[in-house]
Amino acid sequence: MLVVGSGASAAHSLPTMGQLADYLIEKIEADGVPADAEDVWARFKEVVFEQGLEQAIDEALLWRHEKLYNTLRLLTWECVRGPEEIVRSLATADKAHIPLCKLITYLFRSHHRKISIVTTNYDRIPEYAVDCVDACAWTGFHGSYFGRWLGFSPPLEFWRSNKRVQQNTVEILKVHGSLDWFMNSAKQPVRLIGIDKVPVDHSALIVPPSLRKSEEVLMAPLRDILAHTDYTLSNANGFFASVMALTMNIFR
């Protein structure tokens, strides 16, 4: 099992918590803070640069204000998506731009044909890396452009039937959601590829940093991902954790 943290994203210049906080303040104040949330917003700004983004959201009880919280979710999606698209463009020209590719290749030198990646990151850098090494990625969604949720039970395997050989497969467990996951108006999780803005009647299926995340990860499909992550952690033969940017720099 490979544990990918925020360092793997920071190494690609994706926004840090501090940069996300700056983006949220700029955008929310430009659009206007809701009148019934002015006290909440004032308290948030008062503590955000001392305590950090997540602690400030909790301290100000910002997550209790539904409209403001949903705006925070949307803006978080927008803030991460832009820089992440740059990573994809660079990787299209040169696969070596994503050091995670080398790490996955190294792990597949063993007899194992399947590895698992667990991450709280929203970006799709793990998916890009898997494609770069010609392995098969499985996130729980079936379909190329309009994905529907199938989950992880039973486990999915990819085989090359004419050679009767199992293909290298990377199971990507995104416990806080992903940039290409959305919840539609029927409250069904969907995966949409090539989306540059959140579609009408959909919400981004990502969990913003706050106390409320402990509630949101217990709702489908994140509940299923969390349960499978627990199972995978309990049965893994080994672990490799990327600590900040250090691990990524080693494999450059």
Protein backbone atom coordinates (compact mmCIF):
# COMPACT_ATOMS: atom_id res chain seq x y z
CA MET A 1 0.00 0.00 0.00
CA LEU A 2 1.23 3.46 -0.93
CA VAL A 3 0.07 6.36 1.24
CA VAL A 4 0.15 9.63 -0.74
CA GLY A 5 -0.12 12.82 1.28
CA SER A 6 -0.22 16.51 0.50
CA GLY A 7 3.52 16.57 -0.14
CA ALA A 8 3.05 14.67 -3.39
CA SER A 9 0.78 17.47 -4.59
CA ALA A 10 2.86 20.32 -3.17
CA ALA A 11 5.83 19.03 -5.17
CA HIS A 12 3.80 19.91 -8.30
CA SER A 13 3.00 23.43 -7.03
CA LEU A 14 -0.60 22.63 -6.18
CA PRO A 15 -2.01 25.03 -3.57
CA THR A 16 -1.07 24.63 0.07
CA MET A 17 -3.58 25.24 2.86
CA GLY A 18 -2.28 28.79 3.21
CA GLN A 19 -2.68 29.51 -0.49
CA LEU A 20 -6.16 28.00 -0.43
CA ALA A 21 -7.06 30.28 2.48
CA ASP A 22 -5.90 33.33 0.51
CA TYR A 23 -7.95 32.20 -2.51
CA LEU A 24 -11.10 31.66 -0.44
CA ILE A 25 -10.87 35.07 1.23
CA GLU A 26 -10.29 36.85 -2.07
CA LYS A 27 -13.14 35.14 -3.92
CA ILE A 28 -15.73 35.15 -1.15
CA GLU A 29 -15.19 38.82 -0.34
CA ALA A 30 -15.27 39.74 -4.04
CA ASP A 31 -18.68 38.07 -4.39
CA GLY A 32 -19.95 39.39 -1.07
CA VAL A 33 -20.30 37.63 2.27
CA PRO A 34 -23.93 36.63 3.07
CA ALA A 35 -25.49 39.09 5.49
CA ASP A 36 -26.33 36.37 8.00
CA ALA A 37 -22.73 35.10 7.95
CA GLU A 38 -20.82 38.35 8.53
CA ASP A 39 -20.00 37.52 12.17
CA VAL A 40 -18.90 34.02 11.22
CA TRP A 41 -16.72 35.36 8.41
CA ALA A 42 -15.17 38.03 10.64
CA ARG A 43 -14.20 35.39 13.21
CA PHE A 44 -12.79 33.17 10.46
CA LYS A 45 -10.54 35.95 9.14
CA GLU A 46 -9.48 36.82 12.67
CA VAL A 47 -7.92 33.39 13.33
CA VAL A 48 -7.16 31.84 9.93
CA PHE A 49 -3.55 33.00 9.65
CA GLU A 50 -2.76 32.10 13.25
CA GLN A 51 -4.46 28.71 13.50
CA GLY A 52 -4.57 27.53 9.89
CA LEU A 53 -7.46 27.02 7.49
CA GLU A 54 -9.12 23.94 8.93
CA GLN A 55 -8.86 25.13 12.52
CA ALA A 56 -10.25 28.54 11.55
CA ILE A 57 -13.25 26.98 9.78
CA ASP A 58 -13.96 25.00 12.93
CA GLU A 59 -13.28 27.87 15.35
CA ALA A 60 -15.68 30.18 13.48
CA LEU A 61 -18.26 27.40 13.03
CA LEU A 62 -18.25 28.30 9.35
CA TRP A 63 -19.26 24.74 8.45
CA ARG A 64 -22.65 25.32 10.11
CA HIS A 65 -23.56 28.00 7.55
CA GLU A 66 -24.78 25.87 4.64
CA LYS A 67 -24.50 28.47 1.89
CA LEU A 68 -21.04 29.60 2.93
CA TYR A 69 -19.87 26.00 3.36
CA ASN A 70 -21.09 25.04 -0.12
CA THR A 71 -19.32 28.09 -1.54
CA LEU A 72 -16.17 26.98 0.23
CA ARG A 73 -16.50 23.53 -1.37
CA LEU A 74 -16.91 24.98 -4.86
CA LEU A 75 -14.03 27.42 -4.50
CA THR A 76 -11.77 24.70 -3.11
CA TRP A 77 -12.52 22.63 -6.23
CA GLU A 78 -11.73 25.60 -8.47
CA CYS A 79 -8.52 26.47 -6.62
CA VAL A 80 -7.07 22.97 -6.94
CA ARG A 81 -8.33 22.23 -10.44
CA GLY A 82 -6.47 25.03 -12.25
CA PRO A 83 -2.92 24.11 -11.17
CA GLU A 84 -3.74 20.42 -11.51
CA GLU A 85 -4.60 20.90 -15.18
CA ILE A 86 -1.12 22.33 -15.67
CA VAL A 87 0.37 19.14 -14.22
CA ARG A 88 -1.60 17.07 -16.71
CA SER A 89 -0.44 19.22 -19.62
CA LEU A 90 3.19 18.92 -18.55
CA ALA A 91 2.87 15.16 -18.08
CA THR A 92 1.38 14.87 -21.58
CA ALA A 93 4.61 16.29 -22.97
CA ASP A 94 6.92 14.44 -20.58
CA LYS A 95 5.85 11.55 -18.34
CA ALA A 96 8.95 12.09 -16.21
CA HIS A 97 7.25 15.23 -14.87
CA ILE A 98 5.40 12.97 -12.40
CA PRO A 99 7.97 11.21 -10.16
CA LEU A 100 5.19 8.99 -8.78
CA CYS A 101 5.43 7.09 -12.09
CA LYS A 102 8.88 5.82 -11.13
CA LEU A 103 7.72 4.78 -7.70
CA ILE A 104 4.78 2.77 -9.08
CA THR A 105 7.04 1.13 -11.66
CA TYR A 106 9.47 0.18 -8.88
CA LEU A 107 6.71 -1.39 -6.77
CA PHE A 108 5.55 -3.52 -9.70
CA ARG A 109 8.99 -5.11 -10.01
CA SER A 110 7.83 -7.55 -7.34
CA HIS A 111 5.53 -10.50 -8.03
CA HIS A 112 2.52 -8.40 -7.04
CA ARG A 113 0.18 -7.42 -9.86
CA LYS A 114 -1.92 -5.13 -7.71
CA ILE A 115 -1.03 -2.25 -5.40
CA SER A 116 -3.22 0.19 -3.50
CA ILE A 117 -2.85 3.94 -3.13
CA VAL A 118 -4.73 5.72 -0.37
CA THR A 119 -4.87 9.50 -0.41
CA THR A 120 -6.82 12.41 1.03
CA ASN A 121 -5.83 14.58 -1.95
CA TYR A 122 -8.46 15.69 -4.46
CA ASP A 123 -6.11 15.89 -7.44
CA ARG A 124 -5.70 13.16 -10.05
CA ILE A 125 -1.92 12.91 -9.99
CA PRO A 126 -2.11 9.23 -8.93
CA GLU A 127 -4.41 8.50 -11.91
CA TYR A 128 -2.05 10.32 -14.28
CA ALA A 129 0.90 8.36 -12.89
CA VAL A 130 -0.87 5.03 -13.35
CA ASP A 131 -1.66 5.85 -16.98
CA CYS A 132 1.96 6.88 -17.56
CA VAL A 133 3.22 3.41 -16.55
CA ASP A 134 0.57 1.56 -18.63
CA ALA A 135 -1.14 0.07 -15.60
CA CYS A 136 -4.88 -0.10 -14.96
CA ALA A 137 -6.42 2.33 -12.47
CA TRP A 138 -9.53 1.57 -10.44
CA THR A 139 -11.19 4.27 -8.31
CA GLY A 140 -14.53 2.54 -7.82
CA PHE A 141 -16.18 4.26 -10.79
CA HIS A 142 -16.95 2.34 -13.99
CA GLY A 143 -16.99 4.14 -17.33
CA SER A 144 -14.70 6.45 -19.24
CA TYR A 145 -16.53 9.79 -19.54
CA PHE A 146 -19.76 9.26 -17.58
CA GLY A 147 -18.72 7.00 -14.73
CA ARG A 148 -21.09 5.32 -12.32
CA TRP A 149 -20.19 4.05 -8.90
CA LEU A 150 -19.55 0.31 -8.56
CA GLY A 151 -17.30 0.27 -5.51
CA PHE A 152 -14.62 -2.18 -4.44
CA SER A 153 -16.59 -5.31 -3.58
CA PRO A 154 -15.93 -7.69 -5.16
CA PRO A 155 -12.38 -6.58 -6.08
CA LEU A 156 -11.87 -5.73 -9.74
CA GLU A 157 -9.07 -7.40 -11.73
CA PHE A 158 -7.85 -6.74 -15.27
CA TRP A 159 -6.64 -9.70 -17.34
CA ARG A 160 -5.11 -10.08 -20.78
CA SER A 161 -7.13 -13.13 -21.77
CA ASN A 162 -5.06 -14.31 -24.71
CA LYS A 163 -1.99 -14.56 -22.48
CA ARG A 164 -3.87 -15.38 -19.27
CA VAL A 165 -1.82 -12.75 -17.48
CA GLN A 166 -3.19 -10.37 -14.86
CA GLN A 167 -2.52 -6.76 -15.73
CA ASN A 168 -0.82 -4.43 -13.28
CA THR A 169 -3.62 -2.72 -11.41
CA VAL A 170 -3.55 0.24 -9.04
CA GLU A 171 -6.47 0.60 -6.68
CA ILE A 172 -6.81 4.31 -5.84
CA LEU A 173 -8.69 5.00 -2.61
CA LYS A 174 -9.60 8.69 -2.46
CA VAL A 175 -11.18 9.01 0.97
CA HIS A 176 -11.91 12.76 0.60
CA GLY A 177 -13.20 12.65 -2.97
CA SER A 178 -11.76 13.72 -6.31
CA LEU A 179 -11.89 16.60 -8.78
CA ASP A 180 -13.79 14.52 -11.32
CA TRP A 181 -16.38 13.18 -8.87
CA PHE A 182 -19.74 14.90 -8.46
CA MET A 183 -23.06 14.37 -6.71
CA ASN A 184 -26.01 14.86 -9.06
CA SER A 185 -29.48 16.16 -8.23
CA ALA A 186 -30.65 12.62 -7.48
CA LYS A 187 -27.89 12.33 -4.84
CA GLN A 188 -26.03 9.78 -6.95
CA PRO A 189 -22.24 9.88 -7.22
CA VAL A 190 -20.96 10.24 -10.79
CA ARG A 191 -17.55 10.61 -12.41
CA LEU A 192 -17.30 13.15 -15.24
CA ILE A 193 -14.13 13.56 -17.32
CA GLY A 194 -13.05 16.77 -19.06
CA ILE A 195 -15.14 19.08 -16.89
CA ASP A 196 -13.84 22.62 -16.46
CA LYS A 197 -16.59 23.74 -14.10
CA VAL A 198 -19.07 22.04 -11.81
CA PRO A 199 -22.15 21.12 -13.90
CA VAL A 200 -25.56 22.61 -13.16
CA ASP A 201 -27.50 20.63 -10.53
CA HIS A 202 -24.29 18.92 -9.40
CA SER A 203 -21.97 19.53 -6.48
CA ALA A 204 -18.27 18.72 -6.27
CA LEU A 205 -17.76 15.45 -4.43
CA ILE A 206 -14.87 16.59 -2.28
CA VAL A 207 -14.67 17.02 1.48
CA PRO A 208 -13.54 20.53 2.49
CA PRO A 209 -11.26 20.83 5.53
CA SER A 210 -13.45 21.13 8.62
CA LEU A 211 -14.97 19.16 11.48
CA ARG A 212 -17.78 18.27 9.10
CA LYS A 213 -15.49 15.91 7.20
CA SER A 214 -16.06 13.26 9.86
CA GLU A 215 -19.75 13.40 8.87
CA GLU A 216 -19.25 13.54 5.10
CA VAL A 217 -16.87 10.57 4.88
CA LEU A 218 -19.64 8.42 6.36
CA MET A 219 -21.89 9.09 3.35
CA ALA A 220 -21.77 7.08 0.12
CA PRO A 221 -19.54 6.59 -1.75
CA LEU A 222 -16.87 7.82 0.68
CA ARG A 223 -18.17 5.49 3.37
CA ASP A 224 -17.51 2.50 1.09
CA ILE A 225 -14.02 3.80 0.23
CA LEU A 226 -13.21 4.30 3.92
CA ALA A 227 -14.38 0.78 4.76
CA HIS A 228 -12.28 -0.71 1.96
CA THR A 229 -9.30 1.39 3.06
CA ASP A 230 -9.61 -0.08 6.56
CA TYR A 231 -9.72 -3.58 5.07
CA THR A 232 -6.73 -2.91 2.81
CA LEU A 233 -4.68 -1.43 5.65
CA SER A 234 -5.39 -4.50 7.77
CA ASN A 235 -4.31 -6.91 5.02
CA ALA A 236 -1.43 -5.04 3.35
CA ASN A 237 1.94 -6.77 3.10
CA GLY A 238 3.84 -3.49 3.29
CA PHE A 239 3.50 0.29 3.39
CA PHE A 240 5.23 3.18 1.68
CA ALA A 241 4.29 6.70 2.75
CA SER A 242 5.25 9.83 0.84
CA VAL A 243 6.22 12.39 3.47
CA MET A 244 5.90 15.90 2.05
CA ALA A 245 8.02 16.43 -1.07
CA LEU A 246 10.94 14.29 0.11
CA THR A 247 9.77 11.02 -1.35
CA MET A 248 8.91 12.60 -4.69
CA ASN A 249 12.34 14.20 -4.92
CA ILE A 250 14.06 10.88 -4.26
CA PHE A 251 12.40 9.41 -7.33
CA ARG A 252 13.10 12.33 -9.65
